[in-house]
Amino acid sequence: MFVYTATDSSFLSAFMEAVGCVVLCALAVSAAVIVTLGFMNWCQVIVMRFPSCEDAAGQDIDKKDKISTSSFYIEIGSVQFGAWASFATWVGLAVFSTLKVCRYHQLENIQVSMYRERQRLVNESGSPTAAEGRSTPPLAF
């Protein structure tokens, strides 16, 4: 949003971004685990006929059903790497978006604290304008 409007987002949009990143992080880890467990299961089954998973790639397992395993080992390994890389990326994005929410929260706390301190100083000084002060802090953004 900052790129298009040249203004930073609000607390609510930063919070929604953090929640979305955490949800997508959970989905990415579940996809990565499913791919990894499927790959491990395939390797356990295929080593009953072949010495290793790598040796099974490119072999005709069932000519009648036309099952081709050519480059299957490399392809599923690439998918597994991509799934775990996606998870790592979403974890990073979730961390940064959570830090952004914490920054917004800290700024809000500082502004409220400064407003209260200003009101306290105005009230202690006994100035005639002290009764005109606001009862709530001004909006931050």
N, C-alpha and C. Protein backbone atom coordinates (compact mmCIF):
# COMPACT_ATOMS: atom_id res chain seq x y z
N MET A 1 0.82 -1.17 0.00
CA MET A 1 0.00 0.00 0.00
C MET A 1 0.87 1.25 0.00
N PHE A 2 2.00 1.19 0.67
CA PHE A 2 2.90 2.34 0.74
C PHE A 2 3.39 2.74 -0.64
N VAL A 3 3.60 1.79 -1.51
CA VAL A 3 4.12 2.07 -2.85
C VAL A 3 3.12 2.89 -3.65
N TYR A 4 1.85 2.58 -3.54
CA TYR A 4 0.84 3.27 -4.36
C TYR A 4 0.42 4.62 -3.80
N THR A 5 0.28 4.73 -2.49
CA THR A 5 -0.26 5.97 -1.91
C THR A 5 0.79 6.82 -1.22
N ALA A 6 1.99 6.33 -1.04
CA ALA A 6 3.08 7.02 -0.34
C ALA A 6 2.71 7.34 1.10
N THR A 7 1.78 6.59 1.68
CA THR A 7 1.45 6.70 3.10
C THR A 7 1.53 5.31 3.70
N ASP A 8 1.91 5.27 4.95
CA ASP A 8 2.04 3.99 5.62
C ASP A 8 0.66 3.47 6.00
N SER A 9 0.57 2.19 6.22
CA SER A 9 -0.71 1.57 6.54
C SER A 9 -1.14 1.89 7.97
N SER A 10 -2.34 1.49 8.31
CA SER A 10 -2.86 1.71 9.66
C SER A 10 -2.56 0.50 10.53
N PHE A 11 -2.87 0.64 11.81
CA PHE A 11 -2.67 -0.47 12.74
C PHE A 11 -3.51 -1.68 12.33
N LEU A 12 -4.75 -1.42 11.93
CA LEU A 12 -5.64 -2.51 11.56
C LEU A 12 -5.11 -3.27 10.34
N SER A 13 -4.66 -2.55 9.33
CA SER A 13 -4.14 -3.25 8.14
C SER A 13 -2.85 -4.00 8.47
N ALA A 14 -2.01 -3.45 9.33
CA ALA A 14 -0.80 -4.16 9.73
C ALA A 14 -1.14 -5.41 10.53
N PHE A 15 -2.16 -5.31 11.39
CA PHE A 15 -2.60 -6.47 12.16
C PHE A 15 -3.17 -7.56 11.25
N MET A 16 -3.99 -7.15 10.28
CA MET A 16 -4.56 -8.12 9.34
C MET A 16 -3.46 -8.76 8.49
N GLU A 17 -2.45 -8.00 8.14
CA GLU A 17 -1.31 -8.53 7.40
C GLU A 17 -0.58 -9.58 8.23
N ALA A 18 -0.39 -9.31 9.51
CA ALA A 18 0.30 -10.25 10.39
C ALA A 18 -0.51 -11.54 10.54
N VAL A 19 -1.81 -11.40 10.72
CA VAL A 19 -2.67 -12.59 10.85
C VAL A 19 -2.66 -13.39 9.55
N GLY A 20 -2.75 -12.71 8.41
CA GLY A 20 -2.70 -13.39 7.12
C GLY A 20 -1.39 -14.13 6.91
N CYS A 21 -0.29 -13.51 7.31
CA CYS A 21 1.02 -14.17 7.16
C CYS A 21 1.12 -15.41 8.04
N VAL A 22 0.58 -15.34 9.23
CA VAL A 22 0.61 -16.51 10.12
C VAL A 22 -0.24 -17.64 9.55
N VAL A 23 -1.41 -17.30 9.00
CA VAL A 23 -2.28 -18.32 8.40
C VAL A 23 -1.58 -18.96 7.19
N LEU A 24 -1.00 -18.15 6.33
CA LEU A 24 -0.31 -18.68 5.16
C LEU A 24 0.94 -19.46 5.56
N CYS A 25 1.56 -19.07 6.65
CA CYS A 25 2.71 -19.83 7.17
C CYS A 25 2.26 -21.23 7.60
N ALA A 26 1.12 -21.31 8.27
CA ALA A 26 0.58 -22.61 8.68
C ALA A 26 0.21 -23.46 7.47
N LEU A 27 -0.38 -22.84 6.45
CA LEU A 27 -0.71 -23.59 5.23
C LEU A 27 0.54 -24.07 4.51
N ALA A 28 1.57 -23.24 4.47
CA ALA A 28 2.81 -23.62 3.79
C ALA A 28 3.50 -24.77 4.52
N VAL A 29 3.51 -24.74 5.85
CA VAL A 29 4.16 -25.83 6.58
C VAL A 29 3.36 -27.13 6.42
N SER A 30 2.04 -27.03 6.36
CA SER A 30 1.26 -28.26 6.17
C SER A 30 1.49 -28.83 4.77
N ALA A 31 1.60 -27.98 3.76
CA ALA A 31 1.90 -28.47 2.41
C ALA A 31 3.29 -29.08 2.35
N ALA A 32 4.26 -28.45 3.00
CA ALA A 32 5.62 -28.98 3.00
C ALA A 32 5.69 -30.34 3.71
N VAL A 33 4.97 -30.47 4.80
CA VAL A 33 4.96 -31.75 5.53
C VAL A 33 4.29 -32.84 4.69
N ILE A 34 3.20 -32.50 4.02
CA ILE A 34 2.52 -33.48 3.18
C ILE A 34 3.42 -33.95 2.04
N VAL A 35 4.11 -33.02 1.40
CA VAL A 35 5.02 -33.40 0.31
C VAL A 35 6.17 -34.24 0.84
N THR A 36 6.73 -33.85 1.97
CA THR A 36 7.85 -34.60 2.54
C THR A 36 7.43 -36.01 2.95
N LEU A 37 6.28 -36.13 3.62
CA LEU A 37 5.82 -37.46 4.03
C LEU A 37 5.47 -38.33 2.82
N GLY A 38 4.88 -37.72 1.80
CA GLY A 38 4.58 -38.47 0.57
C GLY A 38 5.84 -38.96 -0.12
N PHE A 39 6.84 -38.12 -0.15
CA PHE A 39 8.13 -38.50 -0.77
C PHE A 39 8.79 -39.62 0.03
N MET A 40 8.74 -39.51 1.36
CA MET A 40 9.32 -40.57 2.20
C MET A 40 8.57 -41.88 2.02
N ASN A 41 7.24 -41.81 1.93
CA ASN A 41 6.43 -43.01 1.74
C ASN A 41 6.75 -43.65 0.39
N TRP A 42 6.88 -42.83 -0.66
CA TRP A 42 7.21 -43.36 -1.99
C TRP A 42 8.57 -44.04 -1.96
N CYS A 43 9.54 -43.42 -1.29
CA CYS A 43 10.87 -44.02 -1.21
C CYS A 43 10.85 -45.35 -0.45
N GLN A 44 10.07 -45.42 0.63
CA GLN A 44 10.00 -46.66 1.40
C GLN A 44 9.39 -47.79 0.57
N VAL A 45 8.40 -47.47 -0.24
CA VAL A 45 7.74 -48.49 -1.06
C VAL A 45 8.62 -48.88 -2.24
N ILE A 46 9.27 -47.91 -2.85
CA ILE A 46 10.03 -48.18 -4.06
C ILE A 46 11.32 -48.95 -3.78
N VAL A 47 11.88 -48.85 -2.60
CA VAL A 47 13.10 -49.59 -2.29
C VAL A 47 12.84 -51.07 -2.10
N MET A 48 11.60 -51.49 -2.14
CA MET A 48 11.29 -52.92 -2.11
C MET A 48 11.64 -53.57 -3.45
N ARG A 49 11.59 -52.78 -4.53
CA ARG A 49 11.91 -53.31 -5.87
C ARG A 49 13.27 -52.85 -6.37
N PHE A 50 13.75 -51.71 -5.90
CA PHE A 50 15.00 -51.15 -6.38
C PHE A 50 15.92 -50.89 -5.20
N PRO A 51 17.22 -50.82 -5.44
CA PRO A 51 18.15 -50.62 -4.32
C PRO A 51 18.01 -49.26 -3.63
N SER A 52 17.63 -48.22 -4.39
CA SER A 52 17.46 -46.89 -3.78
C SER A 52 16.42 -46.11 -4.57
N CYS A 53 16.00 -44.99 -4.00
CA CYS A 53 15.01 -44.14 -4.67
C CYS A 53 15.56 -43.56 -5.97
N GLU A 54 16.84 -43.20 -5.97
CA GLU A 54 17.44 -42.62 -7.15
C GLU A 54 17.48 -43.62 -8.31
N ASP A 55 17.69 -44.89 -7.99
CA ASP A 55 17.75 -45.93 -9.03
C ASP A 55 16.38 -46.19 -9.65
N ALA A 56 15.31 -45.93 -8.91
CA ALA A 56 13.97 -46.19 -9.42
C ALA A 56 13.54 -45.15 -10.45
N ALA A 57 14.13 -43.98 -10.39
CA ALA A 57 13.76 -42.92 -11.32
C ALA A 57 14.20 -43.31 -12.73
N GLY A 58 13.28 -43.21 -13.66
CA GLY A 58 13.59 -43.52 -15.05
C GLY A 58 13.32 -44.97 -15.42
N GLN A 59 12.94 -45.78 -14.49
CA GLN A 59 12.66 -47.19 -14.75
C GLN A 59 11.19 -47.36 -15.11
N ASP A 60 10.91 -48.35 -15.93
CA ASP A 60 9.53 -48.70 -16.23
C ASP A 60 9.01 -49.60 -15.12
N ILE A 61 8.14 -49.06 -14.30
CA ILE A 61 7.62 -49.83 -13.18
C ILE A 61 6.50 -50.74 -13.65
N ASP A 62 5.59 -50.21 -14.43
CA ASP A 62 4.46 -50.99 -14.91
C ASP A 62 4.18 -50.58 -16.36
N LYS A 63 4.62 -51.41 -17.30
CA LYS A 63 4.47 -51.06 -18.72
C LYS A 63 3.01 -51.11 -19.14
N LYS A 64 2.24 -51.99 -18.53
CA LYS A 64 0.83 -52.11 -18.90
C LYS A 64 0.06 -50.82 -18.58
N ASP A 65 0.30 -50.23 -17.44
CA ASP A 65 -0.37 -49.00 -17.04
C ASP A 65 0.35 -47.75 -17.53
N LYS A 66 1.49 -47.93 -18.17
CA LYS A 66 2.31 -46.83 -18.72
C LYS A 66 2.69 -45.83 -17.63
N ILE A 67 3.20 -46.34 -16.51
CA ILE A 67 3.68 -45.49 -15.43
C ILE A 67 5.14 -45.16 -15.72
N SER A 68 5.42 -43.89 -15.86
CA SER A 68 6.78 -43.44 -16.15
C SER A 68 7.31 -42.67 -14.95
N THR A 69 8.46 -43.10 -14.47
CA THR A 69 9.08 -42.42 -13.32
C THR A 69 10.31 -41.63 -13.76
N SER A 70 10.40 -41.30 -15.03
CA SER A 70 11.57 -40.56 -15.48
C SER A 70 11.61 -39.19 -14.80
N SER A 71 12.71 -38.92 -14.17
CA SER A 71 13.01 -37.69 -13.42
C SER A 71 12.01 -37.40 -12.29
N PHE A 72 11.32 -38.42 -11.82
CA PHE A 72 10.38 -38.22 -10.71
C PHE A 72 11.11 -37.84 -9.44
N TYR A 73 12.25 -38.47 -9.18
CA TYR A 73 13.01 -38.19 -7.97
C TYR A 73 13.46 -36.73 -7.93
N ILE A 74 13.96 -36.22 -9.05
CA ILE A 74 14.40 -34.82 -9.12
C ILE A 74 13.20 -33.88 -9.00
N GLU A 75 12.10 -34.20 -9.67
CA GLU A 75 10.93 -33.33 -9.64
C GLU A 75 10.32 -33.23 -8.24
N ILE A 76 10.15 -34.35 -7.58
CA ILE A 76 9.54 -34.32 -6.24
C ILE A 76 10.51 -33.69 -5.24
N GLY A 77 11.81 -33.87 -5.46
CA GLY A 77 12.79 -33.18 -4.61
C GLY A 77 12.72 -31.67 -4.79
N SER A 78 12.51 -31.22 -6.02
CA SER A 78 12.36 -29.79 -6.29
C SER A 78 11.09 -29.25 -5.65
N VAL A 79 10.02 -30.01 -5.72
CA VAL A 79 8.77 -29.60 -5.08
C VAL A 79 8.95 -29.50 -3.57
N GLN A 80 9.64 -30.47 -3.02
CA GLN A 80 9.88 -30.47 -1.58
C GLN A 80 10.72 -29.25 -1.18
N PHE A 81 11.76 -28.95 -1.93
CA PHE A 81 12.57 -27.78 -1.65
C PHE A 81 11.74 -26.50 -1.76
N GLY A 82 10.92 -26.41 -2.80
CA GLY A 82 10.07 -25.24 -2.99
C GLY A 82 9.07 -25.06 -1.87
N ALA A 83 8.50 -26.15 -1.39
CA ALA A 83 7.52 -26.06 -0.30
C ALA A 83 8.18 -25.57 0.99
N TRP A 84 9.37 -26.09 1.30
CA TRP A 84 10.05 -25.64 2.51
C TRP A 84 10.59 -24.22 2.35
N ALA A 85 10.99 -23.84 1.14
CA ALA A 85 11.43 -22.46 0.91
C ALA A 85 10.25 -21.50 1.05
N SER A 86 9.08 -21.91 0.58
CA SER A 86 7.88 -21.09 0.75
C SER A 86 7.55 -20.91 2.22
N PHE A 87 7.67 -21.97 2.98
CA PHE A 87 7.43 -21.88 4.43
C PHE A 87 8.41 -20.91 5.08
N ALA A 88 9.69 -21.01 4.71
CA ALA A 88 10.69 -20.11 5.29
C ALA A 88 10.41 -18.66 4.92
N THR A 89 9.96 -18.42 3.70
CA THR A 89 9.62 -17.07 3.27
C THR A 89 8.44 -16.53 4.07
N TRP A 90 7.40 -17.34 4.26
CA TRP A 90 6.24 -16.88 5.02
C TRP A 90 6.57 -16.65 6.49
N VAL A 91 7.50 -17.44 7.02
CA VAL A 91 7.93 -17.19 8.41
C VAL A 91 8.60 -15.82 8.50
N GLY A 92 9.47 -15.53 7.55
CA GLY A 92 10.12 -14.21 7.54
C GLY A 92 9.12 -13.08 7.41
N LEU A 93 8.16 -13.22 6.51
CA LEU A 93 7.14 -12.20 6.35
C LEU A 93 6.28 -12.05 7.60
N ALA A 94 5.98 -13.16 8.26
CA ALA A 94 5.19 -13.10 9.50
C ALA A 94 5.97 -12.38 10.60
N VAL A 95 7.27 -12.62 10.67
CA VAL A 95 8.08 -11.94 11.69
C VAL A 95 8.10 -10.44 11.43
N PHE A 96 8.33 -10.06 10.18
CA PHE A 96 8.39 -8.63 9.87
C PHE A 96 7.04 -7.93 10.05
N SER A 97 5.97 -8.59 9.69
CA SER A 97 4.66 -7.97 9.88
C SER A 97 4.30 -7.88 11.36
N THR A 98 4.72 -8.84 12.16
CA THR A 98 4.50 -8.76 13.60
C THR A 98 5.31 -7.63 14.21
N LEU A 99 6.53 -7.44 13.73
CA LEU A 99 7.34 -6.31 14.20
C LEU A 99 6.69 -4.98 13.83
N LYS A 100 6.05 -4.93 12.68
CA LYS A 100 5.35 -3.71 12.26
C LYS A 100 4.17 -3.43 13.19
N VAL A 101 3.43 -4.47 13.55
CA VAL A 101 2.31 -4.29 14.50
C VAL A 101 2.84 -3.82 15.85
N CYS A 102 3.95 -4.38 16.30
CA CYS A 102 4.53 -3.96 17.58
C CYS A 102 4.98 -2.50 17.52
N ARG A 103 5.52 -2.07 16.38
CA ARG A 103 5.94 -0.67 16.23
C ARG A 103 4.73 0.26 16.31
N TYR A 104 3.65 -0.10 15.63
CA TYR A 104 2.43 0.71 15.70
C TYR A 104 1.90 0.80 17.13
N HIS A 105 1.92 -0.33 17.82
CA HIS A 105 1.44 -0.36 19.21
C HIS A 105 2.31 0.52 20.10
N GLN A 106 3.62 0.45 19.91
CA GLN A 106 4.54 1.27 20.70
C GLN A 106 4.32 2.76 20.41
N LEU A 107 4.15 3.12 19.14
CA LEU A 107 3.89 4.52 18.80
C LEU A 107 2.60 5.03 19.43
N GLU A 108 1.58 4.20 19.42
CA GLU A 108 0.31 4.59 20.02
C GLU A 108 0.47 4.79 21.52
N ASN A 109 1.20 3.90 22.18
CA ASN A 109 1.43 4.05 23.62
C ASN A 109 2.22 5.32 23.93
N ILE A 110 3.20 5.64 23.11
CA ILE A 110 3.99 6.85 23.32
C ILE A 110 3.11 8.09 23.15
N GLN A 111 2.27 8.10 22.13
CA GLN A 111 1.41 9.27 21.89
C GLN A 111 0.41 9.47 23.03
N VAL A 112 -0.18 8.40 23.50
CA VAL A 112 -1.13 8.51 24.63
C VAL A 112 -0.40 8.97 25.88
N SER A 113 0.78 8.44 26.11
CA SER A 113 1.55 8.82 27.29
C SER A 113 1.96 10.29 27.23
N MET A 114 2.39 10.74 26.06
CA MET A 114 2.77 12.15 25.92
C MET A 114 1.56 13.06 26.11
N TYR A 115 0.41 12.66 25.61
CA TYR A 115 -0.81 13.46 25.78
C TYR A 115 -1.17 13.58 27.25
N ARG A 116 -1.13 12.44 27.96
CA ARG A 116 -1.46 12.47 29.39
C ARG A 116 -0.48 13.33 30.18
N GLU A 117 0.80 13.22 29.85
CA GLU A 117 1.80 14.03 30.55
C GLU A 117 1.59 15.51 30.27
N ARG A 118 1.28 15.85 29.03
CA ARG A 118 1.01 17.24 28.67
C ARG A 118 -0.20 17.76 29.46
N GLN A 119 -1.26 16.95 29.54
CA GLN A 119 -2.45 17.35 30.30
C GLN A 119 -2.13 17.54 31.78
N ARG A 120 -1.30 16.66 32.31
CA ARG A 120 -0.92 16.76 33.72
C ARG A 120 -0.13 18.04 33.97
N LEU A 121 0.79 18.36 33.07
CA LEU A 121 1.58 19.58 33.22
C LEU A 121 0.72 20.83 33.08
N VAL A 122 -0.23 20.79 32.15
CA VAL A 122 -1.12 21.94 31.98
C VAL A 122 -1.99 22.12 33.21
N ASN A 123 -2.50 21.04 33.76
CA ASN A 123 -3.36 21.12 34.94
C ASN A 123 -2.58 21.57 36.18
N GLU A 124 -1.32 21.20 36.29
CA GLU A 124 -0.51 21.59 37.44
C GLU A 124 -0.13 23.06 37.38
N SER A 125 -0.01 23.58 36.18
CA SER A 125 0.43 24.97 36.06
C SER A 125 -0.65 25.95 36.47
N GLY A 126 -1.90 25.52 36.51
CA GLY A 126 -2.99 26.38 36.94
C GLY A 126 -3.35 27.42 35.91
N SER A 127 -3.04 27.17 34.67
CA SER A 127 -3.37 28.15 33.64
C SER A 127 -4.86 28.14 33.37
N PRO A 128 -5.42 29.28 32.91
CA PRO A 128 -6.86 29.34 32.65
C PRO A 128 -7.28 28.48 31.47
N THR A 129 -6.36 28.08 30.61
CA THR A 129 -6.72 27.25 29.46
C THR A 129 -6.75 25.78 29.80
N ALA A 130 -6.44 25.43 31.04
CA ALA A 130 -6.39 24.02 31.42
C ALA A 130 -7.76 23.37 31.35
N ALA A 131 -8.80 24.14 31.59
CA ALA A 131 -10.16 23.57 31.56
C ALA A 131 -10.63 23.33 30.13
N GLU A 132 -9.97 23.94 29.15
CA GLU A 132 -10.38 23.77 27.75
C GLU A 132 -9.77 22.53 27.11
N GLY A 133 -8.88 21.85 27.78
CA GLY A 133 -8.14 20.74 27.18
C GLY A 133 -9.06 19.62 26.73
N ARG A 134 -8.56 18.85 25.80
CA ARG A 134 -9.34 17.72 25.30
C ARG A 134 -9.42 16.63 26.35
N SER A 135 -10.45 15.81 26.24
CA SER A 135 -10.58 14.70 27.18
C SER A 135 -10.02 13.42 26.59
N THR A 136 -9.79 13.40 25.30
CA THR A 136 -9.21 12.21 24.64
C THR A 136 -8.01 12.66 23.82
N PRO A 137 -7.04 11.78 23.62
CA PRO A 137 -5.87 12.15 22.84
C PRO A 137 -6.24 12.31 21.36
N PRO A 138 -5.51 13.13 20.64
CA PRO A 138 -5.80 13.30 19.20
C PRO A 138 -5.47 12.04 18.43
N LEU A 139 -6.06 11.87 17.27
CA LEU A 139 -5.80 10.72 16.43
C LEU A 139 -4.38 10.78 15.90
N ALA A 140 -3.73 9.62 15.82
CA ALA A 140 -2.33 9.57 15.42
C ALA A 140 -2.17 9.77 13.93
N PHE A 141 -3.00 9.14 13.12
CA PHE A 141 -2.79 9.18 11.67
C PHE A 141 -3.98 9.76 10.97
